[in-house]
Amino acid sequence: RNCDLKRGGIKLLQKSPYSSEQRFQMLKDYLGENKTIDILTYTNMVKMSRSSAYRELEKFVADPSSGISVKGRMHSKVYVLAKE
């Protein structure tokens, strides 16, 4: 009863400053130079939360026309350009 609770004002959600198309192009450019990318690198590159970045990468993998595929499992998962 004696507490006066207030919100801290800290924004926990992080929205990427890039559009989906820009992020996809950044991913393709990165993979053209480096061959593989992991979730942490992608998260830092596009400035979005880890879970959102993971969902987006999985969406790219699920679309065969994207040219992105995945290798490995669990914590050793990396994303690569699909062989044509």
PDB file of N, CA and C in Angstrom:
ATOM      1  N   ARG A   1       0.811  -1.194   0.000  1.00  0.00           N
ATOM      2  CA  ARG A   1       0.000   0.000   0.000  1.00  0.00           C
ATOM      3  C   ARG A   1       0.855   1.261   0.000  1.00  0.00           C
ATOM      4  N   ASN A   2       2.056   1.146   0.513  1.00  0.00           N
ATOM      5  CA  ASN A   2       2.912   2.317   0.605  1.00  0.00           C
ATOM      6  C   ASN A   2       3.828   2.483  -0.604  1.00  0.00           C
ATOM      7  N   CYS A   3       3.663   1.619  -1.614  1.00  0.00           N
ATOM      8  CA  CYS A   3       4.511   1.684  -2.810  1.00  0.00           C
ATOM      9  C   CYS A   3       3.880   2.567  -3.871  1.00  0.00           C
ATOM     10  N   ASP A   4       4.729   3.287  -4.568  1.00  0.00           N
ATOM     11  CA  ASP A   4       4.287   4.066  -5.727  1.00  0.00           C
ATOM     12  C   ASP A   4       5.070   3.548  -6.927  1.00  0.00           C
ATOM     13  N   LEU A   5       4.483   2.606  -7.673  1.00  0.00           N
ATOM     14  CA  LEU A   5       5.173   1.955  -8.779  1.00  0.00           C
ATOM     15  C   LEU A   5       5.081   2.785 -10.057  1.00  0.00           C
ATOM     16  N   LYS A   6       6.203   2.865 -10.751  1.00  0.00           N
ATOM     17  CA  LYS A   6       6.254   3.581 -12.025  1.00  0.00           C
ATOM     18  C   LYS A   6       7.060   2.747 -13.002  1.00  0.00           C
ATOM     19  N   ARG A   7       6.770   2.893 -14.258  1.00  0.00           N
ATOM     20  CA  ARG A   7       7.527   2.196 -15.289  1.00  0.00           C
ATOM     21  C   ARG A   7       8.929   2.795 -15.388  1.00  0.00           C
ATOM     22  N   GLY A   8       9.876   1.924 -15.713  1.00  0.00           N
ATOM     23  CA  GLY A   8      11.262   2.350 -15.773  1.00  0.00           C
ATOM     24  C   GLY A   8      11.628   3.169 -16.997  1.00  0.00           C
ATOM     25  N   GLY A   9      10.829   3.084 -18.055  1.00  0.00           N
ATOM     26  CA  GLY A   9      11.122   3.845 -19.263  1.00  0.00           C
ATOM     27  C   GLY A   9      12.150   3.192 -20.165  1.00  0.00           C
ATOM     28  N   ILE A  10      12.488   1.946 -19.875  1.00  0.00           N
ATOM     29  CA  ILE A  10      13.475   1.239 -20.689  1.00  0.00           C
ATOM     30  C   ILE A  10      12.741   0.472 -21.771  1.00  0.00           C
ATOM     31  N   LYS A  11      13.131   0.706 -23.017  1.00  0.00           N
ATOM     32  CA  LYS A  11      12.510   0.010 -24.131  1.00  0.00           C
ATOM     33  C   LYS A  11      13.276  -1.287 -24.383  1.00  0.00           C
ATOM     34  N   LEU A  12      12.613  -2.418 -24.178  1.00  0.00           N
ATOM     35  CA  LEU A  12      13.267  -3.706 -24.339  1.00  0.00           C
ATOM     36  C   LEU A  12      13.189  -4.221 -25.771  1.00  0.00           C
ATOM     37  N   LEU A  13      12.118  -3.879 -26.478  1.00  0.00           N
ATOM     38  CA  LEU A  13      11.989  -4.331 -27.848  1.00  0.00           C
ATOM     39  C   LEU A  13      12.875  -3.497 -28.761  1.00  0.00           C
ATOM     40  N   GLN A  14      13.543  -4.168 -29.669  1.00  0.00           N
ATOM     41  CA  GLN A  14      14.458  -3.479 -30.563  1.00  0.00           C
ATOM     42  C   GLN A  14      13.984  -3.691 -31.991  1.00  0.00           C
ATOM     43  N   LYS A  15      13.583  -2.625 -32.642  1.00  0.00           N
ATOM     44  CA  LYS A  15      13.120  -2.698 -34.021  1.00  0.00           C
ATOM     45  C   LYS A  15      14.271  -2.296 -34.934  1.00  0.00           C
ATOM     46  N   SER A  16      14.468  -3.079 -35.975  1.00  0.00           N
ATOM     47  CA  SER A  16      15.555  -2.819 -36.906  1.00  0.00           C
ATOM     48  C   SER A  16      15.293  -1.536 -37.693  1.00  0.00           C
ATOM     49  N   PRO A  17      16.334  -0.737 -37.914  1.00  0.00           N
ATOM     50  CA  PRO A  17      16.162   0.470 -38.726  1.00  0.00           C
ATOM     51  C   PRO A  17      16.086   0.161 -40.220  1.00  0.00           C
ATOM     52  N   TYR A  18      16.271  -1.098 -40.597  1.00  0.00           N
ATOM     53  CA  TYR A  18      16.278  -1.494 -42.004  1.00  0.00           C
ATOM     54  C   TYR A  18      14.973  -2.205 -42.360  1.00  0.00           C
ATOM     55  N   SER A  19      14.550  -2.058 -43.600  1.00  0.00           N
ATOM     56  CA  SER A  19      13.363  -2.781 -44.073  1.00  0.00           C
ATOM     57  C   SER A  19      13.734  -4.241 -44.313  1.00  0.00           C
ATOM     58  N   SER A  20      12.737  -5.066 -44.495  1.00  0.00           N
ATOM     59  CA  SER A  20      12.964  -6.491 -44.740  1.00  0.00           C
ATOM     60  C   SER A  20      13.786  -6.702 -46.016  1.00  0.00           C
ATOM     61  N   GLU A  21      13.491  -5.933 -47.042  1.00  0.00           N
ATOM     62  CA  GLU A  21      14.235  -6.048 -48.298  1.00  0.00           C
ATOM     63  C   GLU A  21      15.698  -5.639 -48.116  1.00  0.00           C
ATOM     64  N   GLN A  22      15.936  -4.584 -47.341  1.00  0.00           N
ATOM     65  CA  GLN A  22      17.313  -4.151 -47.073  1.00  0.00           C
ATOM     66  C   GLN A  22      18.064  -5.213 -46.282  1.00  0.00           C
ATOM     67  N   ARG A  23      17.405  -5.804 -45.287  1.00  0.00           N
ATOM     68  CA  ARG A  23      18.049  -6.852 -44.487  1.00  0.00           C
ATOM     69  C   ARG A  23      18.384  -8.064 -45.343  1.00  0.00           C
ATOM     70  N   PHE A  24      17.472  -8.429 -46.250  1.00  0.00           N
ATOM     71  CA  PHE A  24      17.728  -9.561 -47.134  1.00  0.00           C
ATOM     72  C   PHE A  24      18.920  -9.275 -48.044  1.00  0.00           C
ATOM     73  N   GLN A  25      19.001  -8.059 -48.576  1.00  0.00           N
ATOM     74  CA  GLN A  25      20.128  -7.699 -49.435  1.00  0.00           C
ATOM     75  C   GLN A  25      21.435  -7.669 -48.645  1.00  0.00           C
ATOM     76  N   MET A  26      21.390  -7.174 -47.411  1.00  0.00           N
ATOM     77  CA  MET A  26      22.574  -7.182 -46.557  1.00  0.00           C
ATOM     78  C   MET A  26      23.052  -8.613 -46.308  1.00  0.00           C
ATOM     79  N   LEU A  27      22.096  -9.518 -46.075  1.00  0.00           N
ATOM     80  CA  LEU A  27      22.420 -10.924 -45.852  1.00  0.00           C
ATOM     81  C   LEU A  27      23.072 -11.533 -47.088  1.00  0.00           C
ATOM     82  N   LYS A  28      22.494 -11.301 -48.256  1.00  0.00           N
ATOM     83  CA  LYS A  28      23.055 -11.860 -49.490  1.00  0.00           C
ATOM     84  C   LYS A  28      24.454 -11.301 -49.756  1.00  0.00           C
ATOM     85  N   ASP A  29      24.637 -10.003 -49.530  1.00  0.00           N
ATOM     86  CA  ASP A  29      25.961  -9.388 -49.725  1.00  0.00           C
ATOM     87  C   ASP A  29      26.980  -9.989 -48.767  1.00  0.00           C
ATOM     88  N   TYR A  30      26.593 -10.157 -47.507  1.00  0.00           N
ATOM     89  CA  TYR A  30      27.497 -10.730 -46.508  1.00  0.00           C
ATOM     90  C   TYR A  30      27.876 -12.155 -46.889  1.00  0.00           C
ATOM     91  N   LEU A  31      26.886 -12.948 -47.293  1.00  0.00           N
ATOM     92  CA  LEU A  31      27.161 -14.334 -47.662  1.00  0.00           C
ATOM     93  C   LEU A  31      27.986 -14.428 -48.941  1.00  0.00           C
ATOM     94  N   GLY A  32      27.882 -13.452 -49.806  1.00  0.00           N
ATOM     95  CA  GLY A  32      28.714 -13.430 -51.005  1.00  0.00           C
ATOM     96  C   GLY A  32      30.186 -13.259 -50.676  1.00  0.00           C
ATOM     97  N   GLU A  33      30.469 -12.567 -49.596  1.00  0.00           N
ATOM     98  CA  GLU A  33      31.857 -12.307 -49.196  1.00  0.00           C
ATOM     99  C   GLU A  33      32.379 -13.326 -48.183  1.00  0.00           C
ATOM    100  N   ASN A  34      31.519 -13.812 -47.273  1.00  0.00           N
ATOM    101  CA  ASN A  34      31.981 -14.609 -46.135  1.00  0.00           C
ATOM    102  C   ASN A  34      31.544 -16.062 -46.123  1.00  0.00           C
ATOM    103  N   LYS A  35      30.705 -16.475 -47.012  1.00  0.00           N
ATOM    104  CA  LYS A  35      30.237 -17.866 -47.160  1.00  0.00           C
ATOM    105  C   LYS A  35      29.243 -18.316 -46.097  1.00  0.00           C
ATOM    106  N   THR A  36      29.425 -17.978 -44.811  1.00  0.00           N
ATOM    107  CA  THR A  36      28.479 -18.382 -43.768  1.00  0.00           C
ATOM    108  C   THR A  36      28.197 -17.211 -42.826  1.00  0.00           C
ATOM    109  N   ILE A  37      27.043 -17.298 -42.152  1.00  0.00           N
ATOM    110  CA  ILE A  37      26.695 -16.311 -41.131  1.00  0.00           C
ATOM    111  C   ILE A  37      25.945 -17.043 -40.022  1.00  0.00           C
ATOM    112  N   ASP A  38      26.203 -16.675 -38.787  1.00  0.00           N
ATOM    113  CA  ASP A  38      25.464 -17.261 -37.669  1.00  0.00           C
ATOM    114  C   ASP A  38      24.445 -16.250 -37.152  1.00  0.00           C
ATOM    115  N   ILE A  39      23.612 -16.681 -36.246  1.00  0.00           N
ATOM    116  CA  ILE A  39      22.521 -15.840 -35.770  1.00  0.00           C
ATOM    117  C   ILE A  39      23.032 -14.599 -35.043  1.00  0.00           C
ATOM    118  N   LEU A  40      24.101 -14.715 -34.281  1.00  0.00           N
ATOM    119  CA  LEU A  40      24.627 -13.572 -33.542  1.00  0.00           C
ATOM    120  C   LEU A  40      25.160 -12.497 -34.488  1.00  0.00           C
ATOM    121  N   THR A  41      25.874 -12.912 -35.508  1.00  0.00           N
ATOM    122  CA  THR A  41      26.397 -11.950 -36.484  1.00  0.00           C
ATOM    123  C   THR A  41      25.256 -11.251 -37.199  1.00  0.00           C
ATOM    124  N   TYR A  42      24.244 -12.017 -37.611  1.00  0.00           N
ATOM    125  CA  TYR A  42      23.093 -11.419 -38.301  1.00  0.00           C
ATOM    126  C   TYR A  42      22.353 -10.455 -37.377  1.00  0.00           C
ATOM    127  N   THR A  43      22.177 -10.840 -36.127  1.00  0.00           N
ATOM    128  CA  THR A  43      21.502  -9.984 -35.150  1.00  0.00           C
ATOM    129  C   THR A  43      22.209  -8.643 -35.009  1.00  0.00           C
ATOM    130  N   ASN A  44      23.520  -8.669 -34.888  1.00  0.00           N
ATOM    131  CA  ASN A  44      24.280  -7.427 -34.756  1.00  0.00           C
ATOM    132  C   ASN A  44      24.270  -6.613 -36.046  1.00  0.00           C
ATOM    133  N   MET A  45      24.288  -7.284 -37.179  1.00  0.00           N
ATOM    134  CA  MET A  45      24.337  -6.591 -38.470  1.00  0.00           C
ATOM    135  C   MET A  45      23.042  -5.827 -38.749  1.00  0.00           C
ATOM    136  N   VAL A  46      21.906  -6.449 -38.469  1.00  0.00           N
ATOM    137  CA  VAL A  46      20.622  -5.819 -38.805  1.00  0.00           C
ATOM    138  C   VAL A  46      19.983  -5.102 -37.627  1.00  0.00           C
ATOM    139  N   LYS A  47      20.626  -5.173 -36.465  1.00  0.00           N
ATOM    140  CA  LYS A  47      20.182  -4.460 -35.260  1.00  0.00           C
ATOM    141  C   LYS A  47      18.739  -4.806 -34.880  1.00  0.00           C
ATOM    142  N   MET A  48      18.497  -6.098 -34.670  1.00  0.00           N
ATOM    143  CA  MET A  48      17.194  -6.543 -34.203  1.00  0.00           C
ATOM    144  C   MET A  48      17.378  -7.628 -33.150  1.00  0.00           C
ATOM    145  N   SER A  49      16.303  -7.960 -32.463  1.00  0.00           N
ATOM    146  CA  SER A  49      16.403  -8.959 -31.404  1.00  0.00           C
ATOM    147  C   SER A  49      16.776 -10.323 -31.979  1.00  0.00           C
ATOM    148  N   ARG A  50      17.349 -11.145 -31.139  1.00  0.00           N
ATOM    149  CA  ARG A  50      17.791 -12.477 -31.564  1.00  0.00           C
ATOM    150  C   ARG A  50      16.623 -13.331 -32.054  1.00  0.00           C
ATOM    151  N   SER A  51      15.514 -13.296 -31.328  1.00  0.00           N
ATOM    152  CA  SER A  51      14.374 -14.121 -31.718  1.00  0.00           C
ATOM    153  C   SER A  51      13.769 -13.655 -33.042  1.00  0.00           C
ATOM    154  N   SER A  52      13.690 -12.357 -33.248  1.00  0.00           N
ATOM    155  CA  SER A  52      13.161 -11.836 -34.515  1.00  0.00           C
ATOM    156  C   SER A  52      14.103 -12.164 -35.667  1.00  0.00           C
ATOM    157  N   ALA A  53      15.396 -12.043 -35.414  1.00  0.00           N
ATOM    158  CA  ALA A  53      16.378 -12.362 -36.448  1.00  0.00           C
ATOM    159  C   ALA A  53      16.312 -13.843 -36.805  1.00  0.00           C
ATOM    160  N   TYR A  54      16.162 -14.698 -35.811  1.00  0.00           N
ATOM    161  CA  TYR A  54      16.052 -16.131 -36.055  1.00  0.00           C
ATOM    162  C   TYR A  54      14.821 -16.453 -36.901  1.00  0.00           C
ATOM    163  N   ARG A  55      13.677 -15.873 -36.531  1.00  0.00           N
ATOM    164  CA  ARG A  55      12.448 -16.113 -37.304  1.00  0.00           C
ATOM    165  C   ARG A  55      12.593 -15.630 -38.738  1.00  0.00           C
ATOM    166  N   GLU A  56      13.243 -14.498 -38.914  1.00  0.00           N
ATOM    167  CA  GLU A  56      13.426 -13.977 -40.270  1.00  0.00           C
ATOM    168  C   GLU A  56      14.349 -14.884 -41.088  1.00  0.00           C
ATOM    169  N   LEU A  57      15.443 -15.331 -40.509  1.00  0.00           N
ATOM    170  CA  LEU A  57      16.347 -16.236 -41.226  1.00  0.00           C
ATOM    171  C   LEU A  57      15.647 -17.539 -41.590  1.00  0.00           C
ATOM    172  N   GLU A  58      14.851 -18.069 -40.685  1.00  0.00           N
ATOM    173  CA  GLU A  58      14.115 -19.299 -40.974  1.00  0.00           C
ATOM    174  C   GLU A  58      13.086 -19.073 -42.080  1.00  0.00           C
ATOM    175  N   LYS A  59      12.512 -17.884 -42.130  1.00  0.00           N
ATOM    176  CA  LYS A  59      11.576 -17.549 -43.214  1.00  0.00           C
ATOM    177  C   LYS A  59      12.310 -17.533 -44.555  1.00  0.00           C
ATOM    178  N   PHE A  60      13.518 -16.973 -44.577  1.00  0.00           N
ATOM    179  CA  PHE A  60      14.324 -16.972 -45.805  1.00  0.00           C
ATOM    180  C   PHE A  60      14.661 -18.396 -46.231  1.00  0.00           C
ATOM    181  N   VAL A  61      15.005 -19.259 -45.288  1.00  0.00           N
ATOM    182  CA  VAL A  61      15.349 -20.649 -45.598  1.00  0.00           C
ATOM    183  C   VAL A  61      14.139 -21.393 -46.153  1.00  0.00           C
ATOM    184  N   ALA A  62      12.958 -21.127 -45.612  1.00  0.00           N
ATOM    185  CA  ALA A  62      11.740 -21.815 -46.044  1.00  0.00           C
ATOM    186  C   ALA A  62      11.328 -21.437 -47.466  1.00  0.00           C
ATOM    187  N   ASP A  63      11.775 -20.273 -47.937  1.00  0.00           N
ATOM    188  CA  ASP A  63      11.435 -19.820 -49.295  1.00  0.00           C
ATOM    189  C   ASP A  63      12.538 -20.269 -50.250  1.00  0.00           C
ATOM    190  N   PRO A  64      12.267 -21.236 -51.126  1.00  0.00           N
ATOM    191  CA  PRO A  64      13.310 -21.742 -52.023  1.00  0.00           C
ATOM    192  C   PRO A  64      13.865 -20.682 -52.982  1.00  0.00           C
ATOM    193  N   SER A  65      13.069 -19.669 -53.289  1.00  0.00           N
ATOM    194  CA  SER A  65      13.534 -18.641 -54.224  1.00  0.00           C
ATOM    195  C   SER A  65      14.517 -17.658 -53.577  1.00  0.00           C
ATOM    196  N   SER A  66      14.678 -17.716 -52.247  1.00  0.00           N
ATOM    197  CA  SER A  66      15.583 -16.774 -51.573  1.00  0.00           C
ATOM    198  C   SER A  66      17.053 -17.103 -51.824  1.00  0.00           C
ATOM    199  N   GLY A  67      17.353 -18.387 -52.045  1.00  0.00           N
ATOM    200  CA  GLY A  67      18.740 -18.788 -52.252  1.00  0.00           C
ATOM    201  C   GLY A  67      19.523 -18.955 -50.968  1.00  0.00           C
ATOM    202  N   ILE A  68      18.841 -19.020 -49.823  1.00  0.00           N
ATOM    203  CA  ILE A  68      19.486 -19.172 -48.524  1.00  0.00           C
ATOM    204  C   ILE A  68      19.171 -20.572 -48.002  1.00  0.00           C
ATOM    205  N   SER A  69      20.174 -21.255 -47.483  1.00  0.00           N
ATOM    206  CA  SER A  69      19.948 -22.549 -46.848  1.00  0.00           C
ATOM    207  C   SER A  69      20.689 -22.583 -45.513  1.00  0.00           C
ATOM    208  N   VAL A  70      20.483 -23.662 -44.772  1.00  0.00           N
ATOM    209  CA  VAL A  70      21.048 -23.766 -43.432  1.00  0.00           C
ATOM    210  C   VAL A  70      21.902 -25.023 -43.339  1.00  0.00           C
ATOM    211  N   LYS A  71      22.959 -24.938 -42.537  1.00  0.00           N
ATOM    212  CA  LYS A  71      23.811 -26.095 -42.240  1.00  0.00           C
ATOM    213  C   LYS A  71      23.965 -26.171 -40.733  1.00  0.00           C
ATOM    214  N   GLY A  72      24.054 -27.385 -40.233  1.00  0.00           N
ATOM    215  CA  GLY A  72      24.221 -27.585 -38.800  1.00  0.00           C
ATOM    216  C   GLY A  72      22.893 -27.605 -38.080  1.00  0.00           C
ATOM    217  N   ARG A  73      22.980 -27.757 -36.738  1.00  0.00           N
ATOM    218  CA  ARG A  73      21.785 -27.787 -35.914  1.00  0.00           C
ATOM    219  C   ARG A  73      22.060 -27.064 -34.603  1.00  0.00           C
ATOM    220  N   MET A  74      20.981 -26.715 -33.980  1.00  0.00           N
ATOM    221  CA  MET A  74      21.016 -26.108 -32.656  1.00  0.00           C
ATOM    222  C   MET A  74      21.988 -24.921 -32.608  1.00  0.00           C
ATOM    223  N   HIS A  75      22.996 -24.977 -31.747  1.00  0.00           N
ATOM    224  CA  HIS A  75      23.894 -23.845 -31.543  1.00  0.00           C
ATOM    225  C   HIS A  75      24.955 -23.719 -32.621  1.00  0.00           C
ATOM    226  N   SER A  76      25.139 -24.737 -33.423  1.00  0.00           N
ATOM    227  CA  SER A  76      26.148 -24.675 -34.482  1.00  0.00           C
ATOM    228  C   SER A  76      25.519 -24.393 -35.838  1.00  0.00           C
ATOM    229  N   LYS A  77      24.285 -23.908 -35.850  1.00  0.00           N
ATOM    230  CA  LYS A  77      23.573 -23.624 -37.090  1.00  0.00           C
ATOM    231  C   LYS A  77      24.159 -22.388 -37.769  1.00  0.00           C
ATOM    232  N   VAL A  78      24.452 -22.505 -39.064  1.00  0.00           N
ATOM    233  CA  VAL A  78      24.917 -21.380 -39.866  1.00  0.00           C
ATOM    234  C   VAL A  78      24.091 -21.325 -41.142  1.00  0.00           C
ATOM    235  N   TYR A  79      24.016 -20.156 -41.712  1.00  0.00           N
ATOM    236  CA  TYR A  79      23.245 -19.935 -42.926  1.00  0.00           C
ATOM    237  C   TYR A  79      24.218 -19.675 -44.075  1.00  0.00           C
ATOM    238  N   VAL A  80      23.892 -20.251 -45.235  1.00  0.00           N
ATOM    239  CA  VAL A  80      24.762 -20.178 -46.403  1.00  0.00           C
ATOM    240  C   VAL A  80      23.922 -19.898 -47.645  1.00  0.00           C
ATOM    241  N   LEU A  81      24.607 -19.527 -48.715  1.00  0.00           N
ATOM    242  CA  LEU A  81      23.927 -19.426 -49.997  1.00  0.00           C
ATOM    243  C   LEU A  81      23.679 -20.828 -50.520  1.00  0.00           C
ATOM    244  N   ALA A  82      22.471 -21.085 -50.982  1.00  0.00           N
ATOM    245  CA  ALA A  82      22.119 -22.416 -51.499  1.00  0.00           C
ATOM    246  C   ALA A  82      22.848 -22.655 -52.800  1.00  0.00           C
ATOM    247  N   LYS A  83      23.215 -23.907 -53.022  1.00  0.00           N
ATOM    248  CA  LYS A  83      23.864 -24.262 -54.281  1.00  0.00           C
ATOM    249  C   LYS A  83      22.819 -24.262 -55.377  1.00  0.00           C
ATOM    250  N   GLU A  84      23.189 -23.714 -56.495  1.00  0.00           N
ATOM    251  CA  GLU A  84      22.241 -23.587 -57.608  1.00  0.00           C
ATOM    252  C   GLU A  84      22.345 -24.730 -58.559  1.00  0.00           C
TER     253      GLU A  84
END
